Amino acid sequence: MEKVTALIRSGRVDVSAGPGARLACDEERGLFRVDGPVTGAARYADVLVDARVHGFDAERDVMPLYPNLLRRGIVRKWANPGLNEPDFVPGGLDLTPQFHPVRADDTVEPRITFLGPPSEGVMYHQIGALRPNKDHHVIRDILCWIHAFMPRENSSPARGAAARGAAARGAAARGVNGAGGQRRGGPRPER
């Protein structure tokens, strides 16, 4: 937003039409006309660009993944319950704080996680709001998501190596050879 503010201050971006701007075609001039009902400004433009990022809707996604997950009941859409009015259902998935989807039958699917546009609604995940070296909630959400399936390494190389050695000894004691969780004596049987 600092970049946008700089563009406004330098006169390269004009926001004078203000809130609730209305668009019309000025056929005489062959231009678009943008009128500001609050500010009274009228601006003309050669080109109109619809620069909005389209909202995510799992049910209407052009790729079959999300509609199929919904149809099979593996995920459901998040809804903000309305009081004396219909629920607000923006299109994102119903997720736990650990980013696991809530299934159609109200159970949690722990084998899957979602982050980004599918989490919109239940979470506020605006990637464009990220700033380096800041304690931003999107960074915390991403770290929570990562730590749910990726073990944390110790920052000290010596202690990290010791922890990995202890984990390997524990796996050996359980009969795991470290190759993708396979048991000693060969691969897991097919399901």
C-alpha atoms as a PDB file:
ATOM      1  CA  MET A   1       0.000   0.000   0.000  1.00  0.00           C
ATOM      2  CA  GLU A   2       2.981   2.322   0.507  1.00  0.00           C
ATOM      3  CA  LYS A   3       3.749   1.915  -3.213  1.00  0.00           C
ATOM      4  CA  VAL A   4       0.158   2.756  -4.144  1.00  0.00           C
ATOM      5  CA  THR A   5       0.259   5.790  -1.829  1.00  0.00           C
ATOM      6  CA  ALA A   6       3.480   6.956  -3.516  1.00  0.00           C
ATOM      7  CA  LEU A   7       1.839   6.591  -6.948  1.00  0.00           C
ATOM      8  CA  ILE A   8      -1.159   8.644  -5.755  1.00  0.00           C
ATOM      9  CA  ARG A   9       1.073  11.368  -4.284  1.00  0.00           C
ATOM     10  CA  SER A  10       3.136  11.555  -7.483  1.00  0.00           C
ATOM     11  CA  GLY A  11      -0.029  11.963  -9.573  1.00  0.00           C
ATOM     12  CA  ARG A  12       0.402   8.699 -11.471  1.00  0.00           C
ATOM     13  CA  VAL A  13      -2.701   7.132  -9.875  1.00  0.00           C
ATOM     14  CA  ASP A  14      -5.904   9.171  -9.599  1.00  0.00           C
ATOM     15  CA  VAL A  15      -8.373   8.208  -6.873  1.00  0.00           C
ATOM     16  CA  SER A  16     -10.328  11.461  -7.004  1.00  0.00           C
ATOM     17  CA  ALA A  17     -13.535   9.754  -8.158  1.00  0.00           C
ATOM     18  CA  GLY A  18     -13.641   8.429  -4.609  1.00  0.00           C
ATOM     19  CA  PRO A  19     -15.990   5.833  -3.168  1.00  0.00           C
ATOM     20  CA  GLY A  20     -18.884   4.500  -5.197  1.00  0.00           C
ATOM     21  CA  ALA A  21     -17.477   5.646  -8.537  1.00  0.00           C
ATOM     22  CA  ARG A  22     -19.718   5.053 -11.537  1.00  0.00           C
ATOM     23  CA  LEU A  23     -18.618   4.150 -15.025  1.00  0.00           C
ATOM     24  CA  ALA A  24     -20.224   5.290 -18.274  1.00  0.00           C
ATOM     25  CA  CYS A  25     -19.258   5.449 -21.939  1.00  0.00           C
ATOM     26  CA  ASP A  26     -18.892   8.870 -23.483  1.00  0.00           C
ATOM     27  CA  GLU A  27     -19.614   7.997 -27.114  1.00  0.00           C
ATOM     28  CA  GLU A  28     -18.991  11.576 -28.303  1.00  0.00           C
ATOM     29  CA  ARG A  29     -15.408  11.501 -27.037  1.00  0.00           C
ATOM     30  CA  GLY A  30     -14.908   7.778 -27.545  1.00  0.00           C
ATOM     31  CA  LEU A  31     -13.748   7.447 -23.921  1.00  0.00           C
ATOM     32  CA  PHE A  32     -14.847   5.949 -20.644  1.00  0.00           C
ATOM     33  CA  ARG A  33     -16.143   8.435 -18.074  1.00  0.00           C
ATOM     34  CA  VAL A  34     -15.677   7.784 -14.349  1.00  0.00           C
ATOM     35  CA  ASP A  35     -17.948   9.889 -12.136  1.00  0.00           C
ATOM     36  CA  GLY A  36     -17.526  10.307  -8.390  1.00  0.00           C
ATOM     37  CA  PRO A  37     -20.953  10.798  -6.791  1.00  0.00           C
ATOM     38  CA  VAL A  38     -19.376  11.688  -3.437  1.00  0.00           C
ATOM     39  CA  THR A  39     -16.470  13.817  -4.688  1.00  0.00           C
ATOM     40  CA  GLY A  40     -18.094  15.312  -7.800  1.00  0.00           C
ATOM     41  CA  ALA A  41     -15.040  14.385  -9.866  1.00  0.00           C
ATOM     42  CA  ALA A  42     -15.356  13.323 -13.492  1.00  0.00           C
ATOM     43  CA  ARG A  43     -12.413  11.596 -15.170  1.00  0.00           C
ATOM     44  CA  TYR A  44     -11.964  10.183 -18.666  1.00  0.00           C
ATOM     45  CA  ALA A  45     -10.001   7.094 -19.661  1.00  0.00           C
ATOM     46  CA  ASP A  46      -8.972   5.405 -22.904  1.00  0.00           C
ATOM     47  CA  VAL A  47      -8.745   1.925 -21.422  1.00  0.00           C
ATOM     48  CA  LEU A  48     -10.702   0.152 -18.700  1.00  0.00           C
ATOM     49  CA  VAL A  49      -8.977  -2.660 -16.807  1.00  0.00           C
ATOM     50  CA  ASP A  50     -10.855  -4.858 -14.357  1.00  0.00           C
ATOM     51  CA  ALA A  51      -7.927  -5.507 -12.022  1.00  0.00           C
ATOM     52  CA  ARG A  52      -9.682  -7.339  -9.231  1.00  0.00           C
ATOM     53  CA  VAL A  53      -8.479 -10.740  -8.102  1.00  0.00           C
ATOM     54  CA  HIS A  54     -11.413 -13.080  -8.513  1.00  0.00           C
ATOM     55  CA  GLY A  55     -12.646 -14.638  -5.303  1.00  0.00           C
ATOM     56  CA  PHE A  56     -12.119 -18.326  -4.655  1.00  0.00           C
ATOM     57  CA  ASP A  57     -15.180 -20.567  -4.754  1.00  0.00           C
ATOM     58  CA  ALA A  58     -14.474 -24.272  -4.318  1.00  0.00           C
ATOM     59  CA  GLU A  59     -17.791 -25.246  -5.877  1.00  0.00           C
ATOM     60  CA  ARG A  60     -17.300 -23.161  -9.024  1.00  0.00           C
ATOM     61  CA  ASP A  61     -13.563 -23.701  -9.589  1.00  0.00           C
ATOM     62  CA  VAL A  62     -12.736 -24.410 -13.243  1.00  0.00           C
ATOM     63  CA  MET A  63     -10.431 -27.272 -12.284  1.00  0.00           C
ATOM     64  CA  PRO A  64     -12.180 -30.445 -11.062  1.00  0.00           C
ATOM     65  CA  LEU A  65     -10.223 -30.872  -7.798  1.00  0.00           C
ATOM     66  CA  TYR A  66     -12.325 -28.733  -5.445  1.00  0.00           C
ATOM     67  CA  PRO A  67     -15.760 -29.589  -6.903  1.00  0.00           C
ATOM     68  CA  ASN A  68     -14.839 -33.298  -6.635  1.00  0.00           C
ATOM     69  CA  LEU A  69     -13.665 -32.947  -3.030  1.00  0.00           C
ATOM     70  CA  LEU A  70     -16.970 -31.246  -2.202  1.00  0.00           C
ATOM     71  CA  ARG A  71     -19.046 -33.819  -4.064  1.00  0.00           C
ATOM     72  CA  ARG A  72     -17.294 -36.672  -2.234  1.00  0.00           C
ATOM     73  CA  GLY A  73     -17.777 -34.987   1.165  1.00  0.00           C
ATOM     74  CA  ILE A  74     -14.037 -34.759   1.879  1.00  0.00           C
ATOM     75  CA  VAL A  75     -14.370 -30.983   2.346  1.00  0.00           C
ATOM     76  CA  ARG A  76     -17.204 -28.539   2.873  1.00  0.00           C
ATOM     77  CA  LYS A  77     -17.502 -24.806   2.370  1.00  0.00           C
ATOM     78  CA  TRP A  78     -17.145 -22.451   5.327  1.00  0.00           C
ATOM     79  CA  ALA A  79     -20.224 -20.504   6.340  1.00  0.00           C
ATOM     80  CA  ASN A  80     -20.556 -17.479   8.592  1.00  0.00           C
ATOM     81  CA  PRO A  81     -23.941 -18.028  10.267  1.00  0.00           C
ATOM     82  CA  GLY A  82     -26.441 -15.248   9.734  1.00  0.00           C
ATOM     83  CA  LEU A  83     -28.707 -13.890  12.459  1.00  0.00           C
ATOM     84  CA  ASN A  84     -32.240 -13.714  11.074  1.00  0.00           C
ATOM     85  CA  GLU A  85     -30.739 -13.783   7.579  1.00  0.00           C
ATOM     86  CA  PRO A  86     -29.088 -16.379   5.305  1.00  0.00           C
ATOM     87  CA  ASP A  87     -25.580 -17.594   6.131  1.00  0.00           C
ATOM     88  CA  PHE A  88     -22.690 -15.882   4.348  1.00  0.00           C
ATOM     89  CA  VAL A  89     -20.838 -18.521   2.278  1.00  0.00           C
ATOM     90  CA  PRO A  90     -17.973 -16.819   0.395  1.00  0.00           C
ATOM     91  CA  GLY A  91     -16.577 -19.979  -1.214  1.00  0.00           C
ATOM     92  CA  GLY A  92     -13.553 -20.971   0.896  1.00  0.00           C
ATOM     93  CA  LEU A  93     -13.255 -24.243   2.771  1.00  0.00           C
ATOM     94  CA  ASP A  94     -14.193 -24.949   6.371  1.00  0.00           C
ATOM     95  CA  LEU A  95     -10.814 -25.526   8.046  1.00  0.00           C
ATOM     96  CA  THR A  96      -9.505 -26.182  11.537  1.00  0.00           C
ATOM     97  CA  PRO A  97      -6.880 -23.829  13.049  1.00  0.00           C
ATOM     98  CA  GLN A  98      -4.335 -26.412  11.840  1.00  0.00           C
ATOM     99  CA  PHE A  99      -5.622 -25.994   8.233  1.00  0.00           C
ATOM    100  CA  HIS A 100      -7.263 -29.432   8.019  1.00  0.00           C
ATOM    101  CA  PRO A 101     -10.610 -29.531   6.212  1.00  0.00           C
ATOM    102  CA  VAL A 102     -13.843 -30.278   8.009  1.00  0.00           C
ATOM    103  CA  ARG A 103     -15.698 -32.985   6.110  1.00  0.00           C
ATOM    104  CA  ALA A 104     -19.386 -32.883   5.187  1.00  0.00           C
ATOM    105  CA  ASP A 105     -20.096 -35.226   8.132  1.00  0.00           C
ATOM    106  CA  ASP A 106     -18.461 -32.781  10.657  1.00  0.00           C
ATOM    107  CA  THR A 107     -15.317 -34.911  11.093  1.00  0.00           C
ATOM    108  CA  VAL A 108     -11.833 -33.544  10.409  1.00  0.00           C
ATOM    109  CA  GLU A 109      -9.684 -34.903   7.574  1.00  0.00           C
ATOM    110  CA  PRO A 110      -6.176 -34.874   9.153  1.00  0.00           C
ATOM    111  CA  ARG A 111      -4.367 -36.144   6.032  1.00  0.00           C
ATOM    112  CA  ILE A 112      -4.983 -32.953   4.042  1.00  0.00           C
ATOM    113  CA  THR A 113      -4.137 -29.298   4.672  1.00  0.00           C
ATOM    114  CA  PHE A 114      -5.020 -26.158   2.717  1.00  0.00           C
ATOM    115  CA  LEU A 115      -3.442 -22.721   2.645  1.00  0.00           C
ATOM    116  CA  GLY A 116      -4.020 -19.645   0.524  1.00  0.00           C
ATOM    117  CA  PRO A 117      -7.216 -18.898  -1.409  1.00  0.00           C
ATOM    118  CA  PRO A 118      -9.052 -22.059  -0.213  1.00  0.00           C
ATOM    119  CA  SER A 119      -8.661 -20.780   3.373  1.00  0.00           C
ATOM    120  CA  GLU A 120     -10.294 -17.416   2.656  1.00  0.00           C
ATOM    121  CA  GLY A 121     -13.305 -16.775   4.825  1.00  0.00           C
ATOM    122  CA  VAL A 122     -12.499 -18.887   7.843  1.00  0.00           C
ATOM    123  CA  MET A 123      -9.071 -17.214   7.829  1.00  0.00           C
ATOM    124  CA  TYR A 124      -7.809 -13.968   6.407  1.00  0.00           C
ATOM    125  CA  HIS A 125      -4.994 -14.946   4.074  1.00  0.00           C
ATOM    126  CA  GLN A 126      -3.961 -11.914   2.059  1.00  0.00           C
ATOM    127  CA  ILE A 127      -0.553 -12.830   0.671  1.00  0.00           C
ATOM    128  CA  GLY A 128      -0.129  -9.315  -0.725  1.00  0.00           C
ATOM    129  CA  ALA A 129      -0.132  -7.960   2.837  1.00  0.00           C
ATOM    130  CA  LEU A 130       3.090  -9.783   3.781  1.00  0.00           C
ATOM    131  CA  ARG A 131       6.004  -7.615   4.822  1.00  0.00           C
ATOM    132  CA  PRO A 132       9.563  -8.854   5.449  1.00  0.00           C
ATOM    133  CA  ASN A 133      10.822  -8.955   9.039  1.00  0.00           C
ATOM    134  CA  LYS A 134       7.379  -8.293  10.511  1.00  0.00           C
ATOM    135  CA  ASP A 135       5.344 -10.418  12.900  1.00  0.00           C
ATOM    136  CA  HIS A 136       2.462 -10.658  10.441  1.00  0.00           C
ATOM    137  CA  HIS A 137      -0.493 -12.987  11.024  1.00  0.00           C
ATOM    138  CA  VAL A 138      -0.153 -14.475   7.519  1.00  0.00           C
ATOM    139  CA  ILE A 139       3.455 -15.477   8.304  1.00  0.00           C
ATOM    140  CA  ARG A 140       2.273 -17.031  11.588  1.00  0.00           C
ATOM    141  CA  ASP A 141      -0.454 -18.929   9.695  1.00  0.00           C
ATOM    142  CA  ILE A 142       2.094 -20.212   7.180  1.00  0.00           C
ATOM    143  CA  LEU A 143       4.438 -21.336   9.986  1.00  0.00           C
ATOM    144  CA  CYS A 144       1.548 -23.094  11.765  1.00  0.00           C
ATOM    145  CA  TRP A 145       0.690 -24.860   8.505  1.00  0.00           C
ATOM    146  CA  ILE A 146       4.311 -25.881   7.864  1.00  0.00           C
ATOM    147  CA  HIS A 147       4.924 -27.097  11.421  1.00  0.00           C
ATOM    148  CA  ALA A 148       1.844 -29.304  11.252  1.00  0.00           C
ATOM    149  CA  PHE A 149       3.564 -31.672   8.835  1.00  0.00           C
ATOM    150  CA  MET A 150       7.264 -30.775   8.874  1.00  0.00           C
ATOM    151  CA  PRO A 151       9.288 -31.356  12.039  1.00  0.00           C
ATOM    152  CA  ARG A 152      11.164 -28.393  13.422  1.00  0.00           C
ATOM    153  CA  GLU A 153      14.943 -28.614  13.204  1.00  0.00           C
ATOM    154  CA  ASN A 154      17.003 -27.480  16.140  1.00  0.00           C
ATOM    155  CA  SER A 155      18.960 -24.335  15.255  1.00  0.00           C
ATOM    156  CA  SER A 156      22.213 -25.722  16.690  1.00  0.00           C
ATOM    157  CA  PRO A 157      23.951 -28.081  14.213  1.00  0.00           C
ATOM    158  CA  ALA A 158      25.334 -30.234  17.037  1.00  0.00           C
ATOM    159  CA  ARG A 159      21.994 -30.482  18.868  1.00  0.00           C
ATOM    160  CA  GLY A 160      20.169 -30.958  15.562  1.00  0.00           C
ATOM    161  CA  ALA A 161      22.438 -33.884  14.668  1.00  0.00           C
ATOM    162  CA  ALA A 162      21.929 -35.364  18.149  1.00  0.00           C
ATOM    163  CA  ALA A 163      18.145 -35.041  17.768  1.00  0.00           C
ATOM    164  CA  ARG A 164      18.249 -36.706  14.345  1.00  0.00           C
ATOM    165  CA  GLY A 165      20.388 -39.499  15.810  1.00  0.00           C
ATOM    166  CA  ALA A 166      17.907 -40.004  18.649  1.00  0.00           C
ATOM    167  CA  ALA A 167      15.023 -40.068  16.188  1.00  0.00           C
ATOM    168  CA  ALA A 168      16.839 -42.648  14.054  1.00  0.00           C
ATOM    169  CA  ARG A 169      17.538 -44.823  17.130  1.00  0.00           C
ATOM    170  CA  GLY A 170      13.858 -44.582  18.098  1.00  0.00           C
ATOM    171  CA  ALA A 171      12.774 -45.540  14.569  1.00  0.00           C
ATOM    172  CA  ALA A 172      15.157 -48.511  14.595  1.00  0.00           C
ATOM    173  CA  ALA A 173      13.711 -49.645  17.922  1.00  0.00           C
ATOM    174  CA  ARG A 174      10.232 -49.555  16.356  1.00  0.00           C
ATOM    175  CA  GLY A 175      11.440 -51.592  13.367  1.00  0.00           C
ATOM    176  CA  VAL A 176      11.441 -48.779  10.817  1.00  0.00           C
ATOM    177  CA  ASN A 177      14.406 -48.613   8.447  1.00  0.00           C
ATOM    178  CA  GLY A 178      13.987 -44.934   7.574  1.00  0.00           C
ATOM    179  CA  ALA A 179      12.988 -45.489   3.942  1.00  0.00           C
ATOM    180  CA  GLY A 180       9.591 -43.869   3.774  1.00  0.00           C
ATOM    181  CA  GLY A 181       8.300 -45.561   6.913  1.00  0.00           C
ATOM    182  CA  GLN A 182       8.772 -49.079   5.560  1.00  0.00           C
ATOM    183  CA  ARG A 183       9.032 -51.991   7.964  1.00  0.00           C
ATOM    184  CA  ARG A 184      12.139 -54.141   8.128  1.00  0.00           C
ATOM    185  CA  GLY A 185      12.003 -56.964   5.656  1.00  0.00           C
ATOM    186  CA  GLY A 186      10.373 -55.085   2.787  1.00  0.00           C
ATOM    187  CA  PRO A 187       7.763 -52.603   1.757  1.00  0.00           C
ATOM    188  CA  ARG A 188       4.361 -52.179   3.333  1.00  0.00           C
ATOM    189  CA  PRO A 189       1.610 -54.311   1.851  1.00  0.00           C
ATOM    190  CA  GLU A 190      -0.649 -52.558  -0.645  1.00  0.00           C
ATOM    191  CA  ARG A 191      -4.018 -51.377   0.656  1.00  0.00           C
END
